Amino acid sequence: MRQNNRQLMLLAAVLMVGSACAEYTPELWISSNKLLEAGSCQPSDALANTGATLLNGVLDVEFASQYAMNLAIRSTLASSNSVTIEGGGQAGVTSAWEANEVQYTRLEVSISSATPLGVALPKRTIELSGSVRPGASVLMSLPEVLDSAMVNALRESPLLAEPGDEVNLRLRVRLYGRTMGNRSVDSNEFTFPVRVCRGCLFVIPPAAIDADFGSLNCRNFANFQDDSCYLGQDVPLDCRVICPLLIDRPGADPFGYCEPAGF
């Protein structure tokens, strides 16, 4: 009897360990945030597998009005082998649909920082439309994961008061949806670090300098064509994108970005 009890206890322990090791696999998997190609800026599902991956983001609150993300999303669901429905009021007419195709409903975004920012950044829900078929990968383009209200709030943070100031944020996003078979599904929580700064992305390339106005300025706009995808995020911001709107306007460039030598 004692030997049987010992065996039962051992079996129970094995089952408990096995259940503890089992991991939940979400129906939708957010794998990465993709960088759109300068010059085209066209999101496509092909980029979910081939596009350049951003390991972290940069948001320059001096010039950006929102923060965009392009999330690579894969469905982990298997095909239901389609369901065929007869009907429509016409004899012999059938339609096929995929019960495990997922229709997106919303994305939930939360923001955290190890350093108190002095401003409120509430959790945000973004209503969505779109779908992904079982086993497929898609690119979800989200132009305002951080909207203008959030960026304006960050701009008012005492930690971002001067050029060169910066703080680190951590974005957490989770996607929710419903299958065509009317079952609720969700994704993993995708965590993405973002460095938030004031003026750190702004650059004056040599071709932008007009020697008639000094050794460092942004006044030569000849033959310049802006091919950036988003203003003030993730990649350097050529001064010729924004300085035509600032120079020669009193008070328009208080920190002297476009005329640093004369500030």
Protein backbone atom coordinates (compact mmCIF):
# COMPACT_ATOMS: atom_id res chain seq x y z
CA MET A 1 0.00 0.00 0.00
CA ARG A 2 2.81 2.38 0.91
CA GLN A 3 4.52 1.64 -2.43
CA ASN A 4 1.26 2.39 -4.32
CA ASN A 5 0.87 5.71 -2.49
CA ARG A 6 4.42 6.67 -3.39
CA GLN A 7 3.75 5.87 -7.06
CA LEU A 8 0.54 7.90 -7.04
CA MET A 9 2.33 10.87 -5.50
CA LEU A 10 5.10 10.62 -8.10
CA LEU A 11 2.55 10.48 -10.94
CA ALA A 12 0.75 13.55 -9.56
CA ALA A 13 4.03 15.47 -9.37
CA VAL A 14 4.85 14.60 -12.99
CA LEU A 15 1.42 15.78 -14.14
CA MET A 16 1.78 19.04 -12.23
CA VAL A 17 5.20 19.73 -13.77
CA GLY A 18 3.86 18.93 -17.21
CA SER A 19 0.95 21.31 -16.81
CA ALA A 20 3.23 24.05 -15.47
CA CYS A 21 5.48 23.76 -18.52
CA ALA A 22 2.61 23.98 -21.00
CA GLU A 23 2.52 27.40 -22.65
CA TYR A 24 -0.45 29.20 -24.15
CA THR A 25 -0.01 29.88 -27.87
CA PRO A 26 -2.05 32.91 -28.99
CA GLU A 27 -4.07 32.69 -32.19
CA LEU A 28 -2.35 35.81 -33.53
CA TRP A 29 1.38 36.38 -33.23
CA ILE A 30 2.91 39.88 -33.44
CA SER A 31 6.56 39.24 -34.31
CA SER A 32 8.09 42.62 -35.14
CA ASN A 33 7.76 46.27 -36.15
CA LYS A 34 8.84 46.86 -39.75
CA LEU A 35 10.53 49.89 -41.31
CA LEU A 36 8.91 51.07 -44.53
CA GLU A 37 11.19 51.68 -47.50
CA ALA A 38 11.99 55.35 -48.05
CA GLY A 39 10.69 56.64 -51.35
CA SER A 40 7.78 54.24 -51.58
CA CYS A 41 6.32 54.18 -48.07
CA GLN A 42 3.74 51.64 -49.20
CA PRO A 43 2.92 48.96 -46.63
CA SER A 44 2.34 45.51 -48.11
CA ASP A 45 1.84 42.06 -46.65
CA ALA A 46 5.07 40.91 -48.32
CA LEU A 47 7.01 43.18 -45.95
CA ALA A 48 5.76 41.12 -42.99
CA ASN A 49 8.35 38.50 -43.99
CA THR A 50 10.95 40.50 -45.94
CA GLY A 51 10.94 44.04 -44.57
CA ALA A 52 13.67 45.52 -42.36
CA THR A 53 12.92 44.99 -38.68
CA LEU A 54 13.16 47.79 -36.14
CA LEU A 55 14.63 46.61 -32.85
CA ASN A 56 13.70 49.89 -31.17
CA GLY A 57 12.10 53.15 -32.20
CA VAL A 58 12.93 56.84 -31.90
CA LEU A 59 10.33 59.58 -31.54
CA ASP A 60 11.49 63.20 -31.89
CA VAL A 61 8.74 65.26 -30.25
CA GLU A 62 10.16 68.48 -31.67
CA PHE A 63 8.99 67.54 -35.15
CA ALA A 64 6.69 64.49 -35.00
CA SER A 65 2.94 64.68 -34.50
CA GLN A 66 2.37 60.93 -34.00
CA TYR A 67 4.21 57.62 -33.82
CA ALA A 68 3.45 54.96 -36.42
CA MET A 69 4.08 51.22 -36.35
CA ASN A 70 3.92 48.55 -39.05
CA LEU A 71 3.33 45.28 -37.23
CA ALA A 72 4.11 41.89 -38.76
CA ILE A 73 1.28 39.57 -37.71
CA ARG A 74 0.90 35.84 -38.29
CA SER A 75 -2.11 33.64 -37.68
CA THR A 76 -1.23 30.48 -35.77
CA LEU A 77 -4.60 28.88 -36.56
CA ALA A 78 -4.92 25.91 -38.87
CA SER A 79 -7.41 25.93 -41.71
CA SER A 80 -10.88 24.67 -40.94
CA ASN A 81 -10.89 23.20 -44.47
CA SER A 82 -13.63 25.69 -45.29
CA VAL A 83 -17.29 25.41 -44.53
CA THR A 84 -19.68 25.18 -47.43
CA ILE A 85 -23.08 26.74 -47.01
CA GLU A 86 -26.01 26.12 -49.31
CA GLY A 87 -28.58 28.80 -49.67
CA GLY A 88 -29.12 32.24 -51.07
CA GLY A 89 -32.53 31.28 -52.35
CA GLN A 90 -31.08 29.74 -55.50
CA ALA A 91 -31.01 26.00 -56.08
CA GLY A 92 -27.52 24.56 -56.31
CA VAL A 93 -25.79 27.81 -55.26
CA THR A 94 -23.14 27.36 -52.57
CA SER A 95 -20.56 29.63 -50.96
CA ALA A 96 -17.36 28.65 -49.16
CA TRP A 97 -15.81 30.50 -46.26
CA GLU A 98 -12.98 29.92 -43.82
CA ALA A 99 -14.16 29.54 -40.24
CA ASN A 100 -10.67 30.32 -38.87
CA GLU A 101 -10.13 33.53 -40.79
CA VAL A 102 -9.68 36.27 -38.19
CA GLN A 103 -11.31 39.68 -38.44
CA TYR A 104 -9.47 42.29 -36.36
CA THR A 105 -11.52 44.32 -33.93
CA ARG A 106 -9.11 46.41 -31.85
CA LEU A 107 -5.55 47.05 -30.72
CA GLU A 108 -4.82 47.99 -27.12
CA VAL A 109 -1.76 50.16 -26.43
CA SER A 110 -0.21 50.87 -23.04
CA ILE A 111 2.88 52.95 -22.31
CA SER A 112 5.32 52.72 -19.43
CA SER A 113 8.53 54.47 -18.43
CA ALA A 114 11.09 53.73 -15.74
CA THR A 115 11.37 57.51 -15.22
CA PRO A 116 8.32 59.53 -14.11
CA LEU A 117 7.40 61.75 -17.06
CA GLY A 118 5.24 64.25 -15.24
CA VAL A 119 2.45 63.81 -17.82
CA ALA A 120 -0.42 61.35 -18.21
CA LEU A 121 -0.24 58.70 -20.94
CA PRO A 122 -3.44 56.66 -20.59
CA LYS A 123 -4.02 53.24 -22.11
CA ARG A 124 -5.40 53.56 -25.63
CA THR A 125 -7.75 51.41 -27.70
CA ILE A 126 -7.61 51.63 -31.51
CA GLU A 127 -10.59 50.26 -33.43
CA LEU A 128 -9.52 48.23 -36.46
CA SER A 129 -10.74 46.52 -39.60
CA GLY A 130 -8.96 43.88 -41.64
CA SER A 131 -8.36 40.16 -41.60
CA VAL A 132 -5.79 37.37 -41.78
CA ARG A 133 -6.31 33.84 -43.05
CA PRO A 134 -5.07 30.73 -41.20
CA GLY A 135 -1.29 30.35 -41.33
CA ALA A 136 -0.82 33.61 -43.25
CA SER A 137 1.30 36.65 -42.40
CA VAL A 138 0.17 40.23 -42.92
CA LEU A 139 1.52 43.70 -42.25
CA MET A 140 -0.72 45.92 -40.18
CA SER A 141 0.04 49.61 -40.78
CA LEU A 142 -0.92 51.82 -37.82
CA PRO A 143 -0.15 55.52 -38.42
CA GLU A 144 -1.12 56.64 -34.91
CA VAL A 145 -0.13 54.12 -32.25
CA LEU A 146 0.77 57.26 -30.34
CA ASP A 147 -1.64 59.95 -31.52
CA SER A 148 -1.17 63.73 -31.54
CA ALA A 149 -2.61 64.11 -28.03
CA MET A 150 -0.01 61.70 -26.63
CA VAL A 151 2.87 63.33 -28.52
CA ASN A 152 1.72 66.76 -27.35
CA ALA A 153 1.64 65.46 -23.77
CA LEU A 154 5.19 64.12 -24.11
CA ARG A 155 6.31 67.46 -25.53
CA GLU A 156 5.12 69.10 -22.31
CA SER A 157 7.07 66.73 -20.07
CA PRO A 158 9.67 68.55 -17.93
CA LEU A 159 12.11 65.81 -18.95
CA LEU A 160 11.88 66.91 -22.60
CA ALA A 161 12.13 70.66 -22.15
CA GLU A 162 15.37 71.32 -24.06
CA PRO A 163 17.07 70.06 -27.23
CA GLY A 164 19.06 66.94 -26.39
CA ASP A 165 16.70 65.80 -23.63
CA GLU A 166 15.45 62.23 -23.92
CA VAL A 167 13.56 59.52 -22.05
CA ASN A 168 12.86 55.85 -22.76
CA LEU A 169 9.38 54.45 -23.17
CA ARG A 170 8.12 50.91 -23.55
CA LEU A 171 5.08 50.35 -25.75
CA ARG A 172 2.97 47.26 -25.15
CA VAL A 173 0.43 46.32 -27.80
CA ARG A 174 -2.07 43.47 -28.02
CA LEU A 175 -4.39 42.65 -30.90
CA TYR A 176 -7.93 41.32 -30.54
CA GLY A 177 -10.26 39.83 -33.10
CA ARG A 178 -12.94 37.29 -33.89
CA THR A 179 -12.93 34.34 -36.24
CA MET A 180 -15.47 33.91 -39.00
CA GLY A 181 -16.66 31.02 -36.85
CA ASN A 182 -17.54 33.62 -34.17
CA ARG A 183 -14.81 32.84 -31.66
CA SER A 184 -12.87 35.57 -29.83
CA VAL A 185 -9.08 35.47 -30.28
CA ASP A 186 -6.14 37.60 -29.25
CA SER A 187 -2.39 37.99 -29.74
CA ASN A 188 0.73 37.93 -27.63
CA GLU A 189 1.67 41.19 -25.92
CA PHE A 190 4.29 42.75 -28.19
CA THR A 191 6.74 44.99 -26.32
CA PHE A 192 8.65 47.68 -28.20
CA PRO A 193 11.15 50.19 -26.73
CA VAL A 194 11.02 53.78 -27.99
CA ARG A 195 13.55 56.50 -27.24
CA VAL A 196 11.71 59.81 -27.01
CA CYS A 197 13.87 62.86 -27.58
CA ARG A 198 13.80 66.54 -28.46
CA GLY A 199 15.68 67.34 -31.65
CA CYS A 200 17.85 64.21 -31.76
CA LEU A 201 16.83 63.14 -35.29
CA PHE A 202 17.43 66.55 -36.89
CA VAL A 203 20.47 66.69 -39.20
CA ILE A 204 21.98 69.33 -41.52
CA PRO A 205 23.68 67.52 -44.43
CA PRO A 206 26.50 69.33 -46.27
CA ALA A 207 24.30 69.76 -49.35
CA ALA A 208 21.84 71.85 -47.31
CA ILE A 209 24.40 74.51 -46.32
CA ASP A 210 24.37 77.81 -48.20
CA ALA A 211 27.84 79.32 -47.78
CA ASP A 212 26.46 82.84 -48.26
CA PHE A 213 24.75 82.54 -44.86
CA GLY A 214 27.64 81.08 -42.84
CA SER A 215 29.34 77.78 -42.16
CA LEU A 216 26.31 76.00 -40.71
CA ASN A 217 22.77 76.65 -41.84
CA CYS A 218 19.92 75.01 -43.70
CA ARG A 219 19.12 77.29 -46.63
CA ASN A 220 20.12 75.42 -49.77
CA PHE A 221 16.97 73.65 -50.94
CA ALA A 222 17.93 73.19 -54.59
CA ASN A 223 17.15 69.76 -56.07
CA PHE A 224 15.94 68.37 -52.78
CA GLN A 225 13.15 65.83 -52.74
CA ASP A 226 11.73 64.47 -49.51
CA ASP A 227 11.35 60.68 -49.60
CA SER A 228 10.81 60.05 -45.87
CA CYS A 229 7.83 58.01 -44.75
CA TYR A 230 7.10 59.52 -41.34
CA LEU A 231 8.18 62.89 -40.01
CA GLY A 232 10.35 62.79 -36.92
CA GLN A 233 10.50 59.09 -36.15
CA ASP A 234 13.02 56.23 -36.41
CA VAL A 235 15.29 57.73 -39.13
CA PRO A 236 17.29 60.99 -39.40
CA LEU A 237 15.25 64.04 -40.38
CA ASP A 238 16.84 66.07 -43.17
CA CYS A 239 16.63 69.76 -42.23
CA ARG A 240 15.37 70.60 -45.72
CA VAL A 241 12.07 68.92 -44.92
CA ILE A 242 11.07 71.47 -42.27
CA CYS A 243 13.40 74.50 -42.51
CA PRO A 244 11.64 76.06 -45.51
CA LEU A 245 8.68 76.45 -43.14
CA LEU A 246 10.77 77.99 -40.34
CA ILE A 247 13.49 80.28 -41.64
CA ASP A 248 12.78 83.99 -42.01
CA ARG A 249 9.72 83.68 -39.77
CA PRO A 250 10.23 85.50 -36.46
CA GLY A 251 9.93 83.12 -33.52
CA ALA A 252 9.35 80.06 -35.71
CA ASP A 253 12.67 78.42 -34.79
CA PRO A 254 13.24 79.29 -31.12
CA PHE A 255 16.00 76.71 -30.59
CA GLY A 256 17.88 77.67 -33.76
CA TYR A 257 17.73 74.32 -35.50
CA CYS A 258 17.92 75.84 -38.98
CA GLU A 259 20.43 78.58 -38.09
CA PRO A 260 22.52 77.06 -35.26
CA ALA A 261 25.58 79.22 -36.00
CA GLY A 262 23.64 82.42 -35.54
CA PHE A 263 21.57 81.38 -32.52
